[in-house]
C-alpha cells in the first residue's frame, strides 16, 4: 500500500464531509490521510478516516475518478460500469496508490451489487478479502470490512459478519461507534431483538460529537425502532421515531444522507401506525416519504406500495390506481412493483 513519503503530484484531492482539499497526499494509513495543502509550506494536515469521503490522486484515469464519484452516491451499478471502462494495462503500470483505489472500487461496488444476486456473493466476498490482504494500509480498510460483513450476513453467516465488524472496533473512536451499530444490525438480523436494542441504545448514548457519529446515532435509533416493530412494540417504536423527528438534525451530516435517514424514519413510523390501525396518520407518514424524502429508491418504492394499500382500504380507488401506476413506471424492477403487477399474478 501507499507508504509515507510516496511521490504524488500537487493535484491530489481529499474530499471530506465538509469540503474538498487540494494538495499533495504524503501518506495514507487505515486511520488517516496526510495532505500537504496546495500552496502551503507548513506541516501536512491530517484528515481522519471518518471524515474522508473520497481521495483522488493526480495520475488516476478519468474513468476511475468517475467510478468513485458514483460509488460515493451509492450508484453501485454505475460505478461498476465506469470501472469497466478503465484500461487495465494502464492500472498495472500505475502507482500502488492508484492500483489500490481501482481494486477498492471494483471490490466494494461489486460487493453491493452482489447482495442482490445470491449466486455472486461468495465471489464478491473473495474479492474484498483479497483487497484487504493486498492493500493493508488503505484508507478504505474499515469500509471494506463493513461490506465483507454485510456479505457474510447475506449468506446467513452471522458469526463471521460479527467477526468482521469487531475488527472495525479496533479503529479510532468514531469507528468504534460504527462497529457498535453494526453489531446491533447483526443481532437484529438473527432475530435477537432485545440484545440488538441494547446495542443500539449504547450507540445513542455515546459521548462523542461530529457528523459521522451523529449519523451513526440516527441509524442506531432507526435500528432500535425496527427491532421494536419486530417485537410487536408498535407504540414504543412510533414514540421513539417521533422523538427523533422532533429533534434538530446535525448540520455536520450531509443533507443527502439525512434525507435518506429521514425517509427511513417516516417509513418505519408509517409501519408502526398502520400496525396500530391508525391508517390516517400512517397515510401522512408515507406521503411524507413520497413528497419530501423519496431519495432512497427502496424506501420510496415501499412508500408507494403502502400508499396504494391505504388509499384502497380508505375508499379512494382512483388515488390508489395513480400510485400503482407511478410505482410500476418508476421502479418496475422493485419487488414492491412486482406485488402489484397483474401480469405477474
Protein backbone atom coordinates (compact mmCIF):
# COMPACT_ATOMS: atom_id res chain seq x y z
CA UNK A 1 0.00 0.00 0.00
CA UNK A 2 0.97 3.64 -0.21
CA UNK A 3 3.78 4.36 2.19
CA UNK A 4 4.76 7.62 3.86
CA UNK A 5 6.58 9.96 1.56
CA UNK A 6 5.13 8.48 -1.62
CA UNK A 7 5.73 10.72 -4.57
CA UNK A 8 2.43 12.28 -5.54
CA UNK A 9 1.84 15.32 -7.70
CA UNK A 10 0.33 18.51 -6.26
CA UNK A 11 -3.06 17.91 -7.87
CA UNK A 12 -4.22 15.29 -5.37
CA UNK A 13 -7.59 15.78 -3.68
CA UNK A 14 -9.22 14.72 -0.44
CA UNK A 15 -12.99 15.11 -0.34
CA UNK A 16 -14.19 15.35 3.25
CA UNK A 17 -17.67 15.54 4.73
CA UNK A 18 -17.44 19.35 4.62
CA UNK A 19 -15.01 20.40 1.89
CA UNK A 20 -12.64 19.40 -0.91
CA UNK A 21 -8.95 19.84 -0.14
CA UNK A 22 -6.23 20.14 -2.78
CA UNK A 23 -2.54 19.45 -2.36
CA UNK A 24 -0.12 16.56 -2.11
CA UNK A 25 -1.08 13.35 -0.36
CA UNK A 26 2.07 12.47 1.54
CA UNK A 27 0.86 9.27 3.18
CA UNK A 28 -2.18 7.11 3.71
CA UNK A 29 -2.99 4.68 6.52
CA UNK A 30 -6.13 2.88 7.63
CA UNK A 31 -6.80 5.70 10.08
CA UNK A 32 -5.89 8.93 8.27
CA UNK A 33 -4.65 10.73 5.19
CA UNK A 34 -1.74 13.17 5.48
CA UNK A 35 -2.20 16.01 2.98
CA UNK A 36 0.18 18.91 2.35
CA UNK A 37 -2.26 21.67 1.29
CA UNK A 38 -1.59 23.32 -2.06
CA UNK A 39 0.48 26.47 -1.68
CA UNK A 40 1.47 25.59 1.87
CA UNK A 41 4.98 25.05 3.15
CA UNK A 42 3.78 24.11 6.61
CA UNK A 43 3.20 20.68 8.06
CA UNK A 44 0.81 18.26 6.42
CA UNK A 45 -2.80 18.25 7.54
CA UNK A 46 -4.23 15.02 8.94
CA UNK A 47 -7.73 14.02 7.86
CA UNK A 48 -9.18 11.18 9.92
CA UNK A 49 -10.82 8.20 8.24
CA UNK A 50 -14.30 9.11 9.50
CA UNK A 51 -14.05 12.49 7.73
CA UNK A 52 -12.75 11.15 4.40
CA UNK A 53 -15.40 10.69 1.73
CA UNK A 54 -13.08 10.16 -1.24
CA UNK A 55 -9.43 10.58 -2.17
CA UNK A 56 -8.14 11.26 -5.66
CA UNK A 57 -4.59 11.01 -6.95
CA UNK A 58 -3.38 13.21 -9.76
CA UNK A 59 -2.46 10.30 -12.02
CA UNK A 60 -5.76 8.43 -11.78
CA UNK A 61 -7.60 7.57 -15.03
CA UNK A 62 -10.73 9.68 -15.51
CA UNK A 63 -12.98 6.61 -15.58
CA UNK A 64 -11.68 5.58 -12.17
CA UNK A 65 -12.47 9.03 -10.79
CA UNK A 66 -15.97 8.84 -12.26
CA UNK A 67 -16.45 5.37 -10.76
CA UNK A 68 -15.55 6.70 -7.30
CA UNK A 69 -17.94 9.63 -7.66
CA UNK A 70 -20.73 7.20 -8.45
CA UNK A 71 -19.70 4.96 -5.56
CA UNK A 72 -19.92 7.87 -3.13
CA UNK A 73 -23.51 8.44 -4.33
CA UNK A 74 -24.30 4.74 -3.77
CA UNK A 75 -24.75 4.23 -7.51
CA UNK A 76 -23.07 0.82 -7.38
CA UNK A 77 -24.12 -0.43 -10.81
CA UNK A 78 -22.94 2.85 -12.35
CA UNK A 79 -19.63 2.59 -10.51
CA UNK A 80 -19.05 -0.87 -11.95
CA UNK A 81 -19.92 0.35 -15.44
CA UNK A 82 -17.40 3.19 -15.12
CA UNK A 83 -14.65 0.98 -13.69
CA UNK A 84 -15.06 -1.43 -16.58
CA UNK A 85 -14.05 1.38 -18.92
CA UNK A 86 -10.65 1.70 -17.24
CA UNK A 87 -7.71 0.33 -19.23
CA UNK A 88 -6.33 -2.49 -17.06
CA UNK A 89 -2.91 -2.18 -18.69
CA UNK A 90 -2.84 1.43 -17.51
CA UNK A 91 -3.69 0.29 -13.99
CA UNK A 92 -0.97 -2.36 -13.98
CA UNK A 93 1.64 0.29 -14.74
CA UNK A 94 0.18 2.82 -12.28
CA UNK A 95 1.38 3.59 -8.76
CA UNK A 96 0.46 1.32 -5.86
CA UNK A 97 -1.86 4.07 -4.62
CA UNK A 98 -3.87 4.13 -7.85
CA UNK A 99 -3.95 0.34 -8.07
CA UNK A 100 -5.34 0.28 -4.56
CA UNK A 101 -8.10 2.74 -5.45
CA UNK A 102 -9.01 0.69 -8.53
CA UNK A 103 -9.14 -2.56 -6.56
CA UNK A 104 -11.20 -0.90 -3.82
CA UNK A 105 -13.87 0.41 -6.20
CA UNK A 106 -14.20 -2.90 -8.03
CA UNK A 107 -14.50 -4.83 -4.78
CA UNK A 108 -16.91 -2.54 -2.94
CA UNK A 109 -19.19 -1.76 -5.89
CA UNK A 110 -19.17 -5.44 -6.84
CA UNK A 111 -19.99 -6.40 -3.27
CA UNK A 112 -23.02 -4.13 -3.08
CA UNK A 113 -24.34 -5.32 -6.44
CA UNK A 114 -23.80 -8.96 -5.43
CA UNK A 115 -26.03 -8.56 -2.38
CA UNK A 116 -28.98 -8.61 -4.76
CA UNK A 117 -27.78 -11.77 -6.51
CA UNK A 118 -27.16 -14.71 -4.17
CA UNK A 119 -25.00 -16.59 -6.66
CA UNK A 120 -22.42 -13.81 -6.79
CA UNK A 121 -21.94 -13.20 -3.07
CA UNK A 122 -19.14 -15.70 -2.43
CA UNK A 123 -17.09 -14.41 -5.36
CA UNK A 124 -17.58 -10.80 -4.25
CA UNK A 125 -16.54 -11.70 -0.72
CA UNK A 126 -13.34 -13.32 -2.00
CA UNK A 127 -12.52 -10.17 -3.99
CA UNK A 128 -12.91 -7.99 -0.91
CA UNK A 129 -10.73 -10.30 1.19
CA UNK A 130 -8.03 -10.10 -1.48
CA UNK A 131 -8.09 -6.30 -1.48
CA UNK A 132 -7.89 -6.18 2.32
CA UNK A 133 -4.89 -8.53 2.29
CA UNK A 134 -3.11 -6.78 -0.59
CA UNK A 135 -3.61 -3.14 0.42
CA UNK A 136 -3.08 -3.29 4.15
CA UNK A 137 -2.76 0.49 4.66
CA UNK A 138 -5.80 1.52 2.64
CA UNK A 139 -7.94 4.37 3.97
CA UNK A 140 -10.85 2.19 2.81
CA UNK A 141 -9.94 -0.67 5.17
CA UNK A 142 -12.90 -0.21 7.52
CA UNK A 143 -15.35 0.21 4.65
CA UNK A 144 -14.06 -2.99 3.09
CA UNK A 145 -14.53 -4.81 6.41
CA UNK A 146 -18.08 -3.49 6.63
CA UNK A 147 -19.04 -4.65 3.14
CA UNK A 148 -17.41 -8.04 3.84
CA UNK A 149 -19.54 -8.30 6.98
CA UNK A 150 -22.65 -7.32 5.05
CA UNK A 151 -21.95 -10.07 2.53
CA UNK A 152 -21.43 -12.60 5.33
CA UNK A 153 -24.82 -11.53 6.69
CA UNK A 154 -26.39 -12.00 3.26
CA UNK A 155 -25.09 -15.58 3.36
CA UNK A 156 -26.61 -16.07 6.80
CA UNK A 157 -23.18 -16.37 8.41
CA UNK A 158 -23.84 -14.07 11.34
CA UNK A 159 -20.84 -15.12 13.44
CA UNK A 160 -18.50 -14.34 10.55
CA UNK A 161 -20.23 -10.99 9.99
CA UNK A 162 -19.85 -10.11 13.67
CA UNK A 163 -16.17 -11.04 13.47
CA UNK A 164 -15.65 -8.62 10.57
CA UNK A 165 -17.44 -5.80 12.34
CA UNK A 166 -15.49 -6.45 15.53
CA UNK A 167 -12.28 -5.57 13.68
CA UNK A 168 -13.78 -2.15 12.90
CA UNK A 169 -13.98 -1.59 16.66
CA UNK A 170 -10.16 -1.62 16.77
CA UNK A 171 -10.12 1.67 14.85
CA UNK A 172 -10.45 5.30 16.01
CA UNK A 173 -13.36 6.25 18.35
CA UNK A 174 -15.85 7.09 15.55
CA UNK A 175 -15.25 3.67 14.02
CA UNK A 176 -15.88 2.05 17.41
CA UNK A 177 -19.31 3.70 17.35
CA UNK A 178 -20.00 2.35 13.87
CA UNK A 179 -18.90 -1.13 14.94
CA UNK A 180 -21.40 -1.00 17.80
CA UNK A 181 -24.22 -0.05 15.45
CA UNK A 182 -23.23 -2.85 13.07
CA UNK A 183 -23.21 -5.31 15.97
CA UNK A 184 -26.79 -4.28 16.66
CA UNK A 185 -27.65 -4.85 13.00
CA UNK A 186 -26.30 -8.42 13.13
CA UNK A 187 -28.20 -9.23 16.30
CA UNK A 188 -31.40 -7.89 14.73
CA UNK A 189 -30.79 -9.92 11.58
CA UNK A 190 -30.53 -13.03 13.78
CA UNK A 191 -33.82 -12.18 15.44
CA UNK A 192 -32.12 -11.35 18.74
CA UNK A 193 -34.08 -8.12 19.07
CA UNK A 194 -33.74 -7.39 22.83
CA UNK A 195 -29.94 -7.72 22.55
CA UNK A 196 -29.95 -5.58 19.40
CA UNK A 197 -31.93 -2.86 21.19
CA UNK A 198 -29.33 -2.84 23.97
CA UNK A 199 -26.54 -2.30 21.43
CA UNK A 200 -28.45 0.43 19.62
CA UNK A 201 -29.08 2.22 22.92
CA UNK A 202 -25.35 2.09 23.72
CA UNK A 203 -24.53 3.76 20.42
CA UNK A 204 -27.06 6.54 21.01
CA UNK A 205 -25.63 7.27 24.47
CA UNK A 206 -22.01 7.62 23.29
CA UNK A 207 -20.43 10.90 24.41
CA UNK A 208 -18.89 11.81 21.06
CA UNK A 209 -19.83 14.52 18.57
CA UNK A 210 -19.34 15.16 14.86
CA UNK A 211 -21.26 14.38 11.71
CA UNK A 212 -20.05 10.80 11.41
CA UNK A 213 -21.06 9.89 14.96
CA UNK A 214 -24.39 11.74 14.73
CA UNK A 215 -25.19 9.79 11.57
CA UNK A 216 -24.44 6.52 13.37
CA UNK A 217 -26.69 7.56 16.25
CA UNK A 218 -29.55 8.25 13.84
CA UNK A 219 -29.03 4.86 12.20
CA UNK A 220 -28.95 3.18 15.61
CA UNK A 221 -32.22 4.88 16.53
CA UNK A 222 -33.82 3.53 13.35
CA UNK A 223 -32.38 0.08 14.06
CA UNK A 224 -33.87 0.19 17.54
CA UNK A 225 -37.26 1.23 16.14
CA UNK A 226 -37.21 -1.61 13.63
CA UNK A 227 -36.37 -4.09 16.39
CA UNK A 228 -39.26 -2.76 18.48
CA UNK A 229 -41.54 -3.24 15.46
CA UNK A 230 -40.35 -6.82 15.11
CA UNK A 231 -41.23 -7.42 18.78
CA UNK A 232 -44.73 -6.02 18.23
CA UNK A 233 -43.98 -2.98 20.38
CA UNK A 234 -45.53 -0.61 17.85
CA UNK A 235 -46.37 2.25 20.20
CA UNK A 236 -42.80 2.35 21.55
CA UNK A 237 -41.41 2.34 18.01
CA UNK A 238 -43.66 5.21 16.96
CA UNK A 239 -42.76 7.21 20.07
CA UNK A 240 -39.03 6.67 19.52
CA UNK A 241 -39.22 7.79 15.89
CA UNK A 242 -41.34 10.83 16.72
CA UNK A 243 -38.80 11.89 19.34
CA UNK A 244 -36.03 11.60 16.74
CA UNK A 245 -38.03 13.55 14.15
CA UNK A 246 -38.85 16.33 16.62
CA UNK A 247 -35.18 16.91 17.39
CA UNK A 248 -32.74 19.04 15.43
CA UNK A 249 -30.73 17.26 12.76
CA UNK A 250 -26.97 17.86 12.94
CA UNK A 251 -25.63 20.15 10.22
CA UNK A 252 -22.44 18.05 10.02
CA UNK A 253 -24.38 15.19 8.42
CA UNK A 254 -24.68 15.69 4.63
CA UNK A 255 -28.20 16.69 3.56
CA UNK A 256 -28.46 13.77 1.14
CA UNK A 257 -27.64 11.32 3.93
CA UNK A 258 -30.02 12.99 6.36
CA UNK A 259 -32.83 12.85 3.81
CA UNK A 260 -32.33 9.11 3.28
CA UNK A 261 -32.39 8.51 7.05
CA UNK A 262 -35.49 10.68 7.48
CA UNK A 263 -37.15 8.76 4.67
CA UNK A 264 -36.42 5.55 6.56
CA UNK A 265 -37.76 7.12 9.74
CA UNK A 266 -41.08 8.15 8.21
CA UNK A 267 -41.39 4.74 6.56
CA UNK A 268 -40.92 2.98 9.92
CA UNK A 269 -43.36 5.43 11.50
CA UNK A 270 -45.89 4.56 8.81
CA UNK A 271 -45.45 0.84 9.54
CA UNK A 272 -45.89 1.42 13.27
CA UNK A 273 -49.04 3.47 12.82
CA UNK A 274 -50.54 1.05 10.30
CA UNK A 275 -50.00 -1.81 12.77
CA UNK A 276 -51.90 0.23 15.37
CA UNK A 277 -54.75 0.73 12.84
CA UNK A 278 -54.06 4.47 12.71
CA UNK A 279 -54.40 4.49 8.95
CA UNK A 280 -54.86 8.25 8.53
CA UNK A 281 -51.61 9.01 10.36
CA UNK A 282 -49.84 6.18 8.53
CA UNK A 283 -51.01 7.69 5.24
CA UNK A 284 -49.48 11.04 6.21
CA UNK A 285 -46.19 9.36 7.13
CA UNK A 286 -45.94 7.56 3.79
CA UNK A 287 -46.99 10.70 1.90
CA UNK A 288 -44.10 12.49 3.62
CA UNK A 289 -41.72 9.87 2.22
CA UNK A 290 -43.26 10.22 -1.23
CA UNK A 291 -43.34 14.01 -1.38
CA UNK A 292 -40.29 15.00 0.68
CA UNK A 293 -37.90 12.14 1.46
CA UNK A 294 -38.04 9.80 -1.53
CA UNK A 295 -34.26 9.82 -2.03
CA UNK A 296 -33.82 6.08 -1.46
CA UNK A 297 -35.42 4.05 -4.28
CA UNK A 298 -36.20 1.09 -1.99
CA UNK A 299 -37.81 3.27 0.69
CA UNK A 300 -39.74 5.30 -1.89
CA UNK A 301 -40.99 2.17 -3.66
CA UNK A 302 -42.20 0.74 -0.35
CA UNK A 303 -43.98 4.01 0.47
CA UNK A 304 -45.81 3.96 -2.87
CA UNK A 305 -46.85 0.36 -2.26
CA UNK A 306 -48.18 1.18 1.19
CA UNK A 307 -49.98 4.27 -0.13
CA UNK A 308 -51.71 2.05 -2.68
CA UNK A 309 -52.92 -0.22 0.11
CA UNK A 310 -54.01 2.66 2.34
CA UNK A 311 -55.82 4.57 -0.41
CA UNK A 312 -57.64 1.39 -1.38
CA UNK A 313 -58.68 0.47 2.14
CA UNK A 314 -59.73 4.07 2.74
CA UNK A 315 -62.09 4.05 -0.22
CA UNK A 316 -60.03 6.06 -2.71
CA UNK A 317 -59.54 3.66 -5.65
CA UNK A 318 -58.61 6.40 -8.13
CA UNK A 319 -55.75 7.64 -5.96
CA UNK A 320 -54.69 4.06 -5.33
CA UNK A 321 -54.51 3.40 -9.07
CA UNK A 322 -52.49 6.59 -9.66
CA UNK A 323 -49.95 5.47 -7.05
CA UNK A 324 -49.83 1.96 -8.50
CA UNK A 325 -49.03 3.32 -11.97
CA UNK A 326 -46.28 5.56 -10.55
CA UNK A 327 -44.74 2.62 -8.74
CA UNK A 328 -44.83 0.45 -11.87
CA UNK A 329 -43.32 3.21 -14.02
CA UNK A 330 -40.64 4.47 -11.61
CA UNK A 331 -39.49 1.20 -10.03
CA UNK A 332 -40.52 -1.57 -12.45
CA UNK A 333 -37.87 -3.99 -11.11
CA UNK A 334 -38.79 -3.46 -7.46
CA UNK A 335 -40.33 -6.33 -5.51
CA UNK A 336 -42.97 -3.83 -4.41
CA UNK A 337 -43.92 -3.25 -8.05
CA UNK A 338 -43.96 -6.97 -8.75
CA UNK A 339 -46.52 -7.46 -5.99
CA UNK A 340 -48.88 -5.02 -7.73
CA UNK A 341 -48.28 -6.10 -11.32
CA UNK A 342 -51.31 -8.04 -12.62
CA UNK A 343 -49.17 -9.71 -15.31
CA UNK A 344 -47.08 -11.49 -12.66
CA UNK A 345 -50.06 -12.96 -10.86
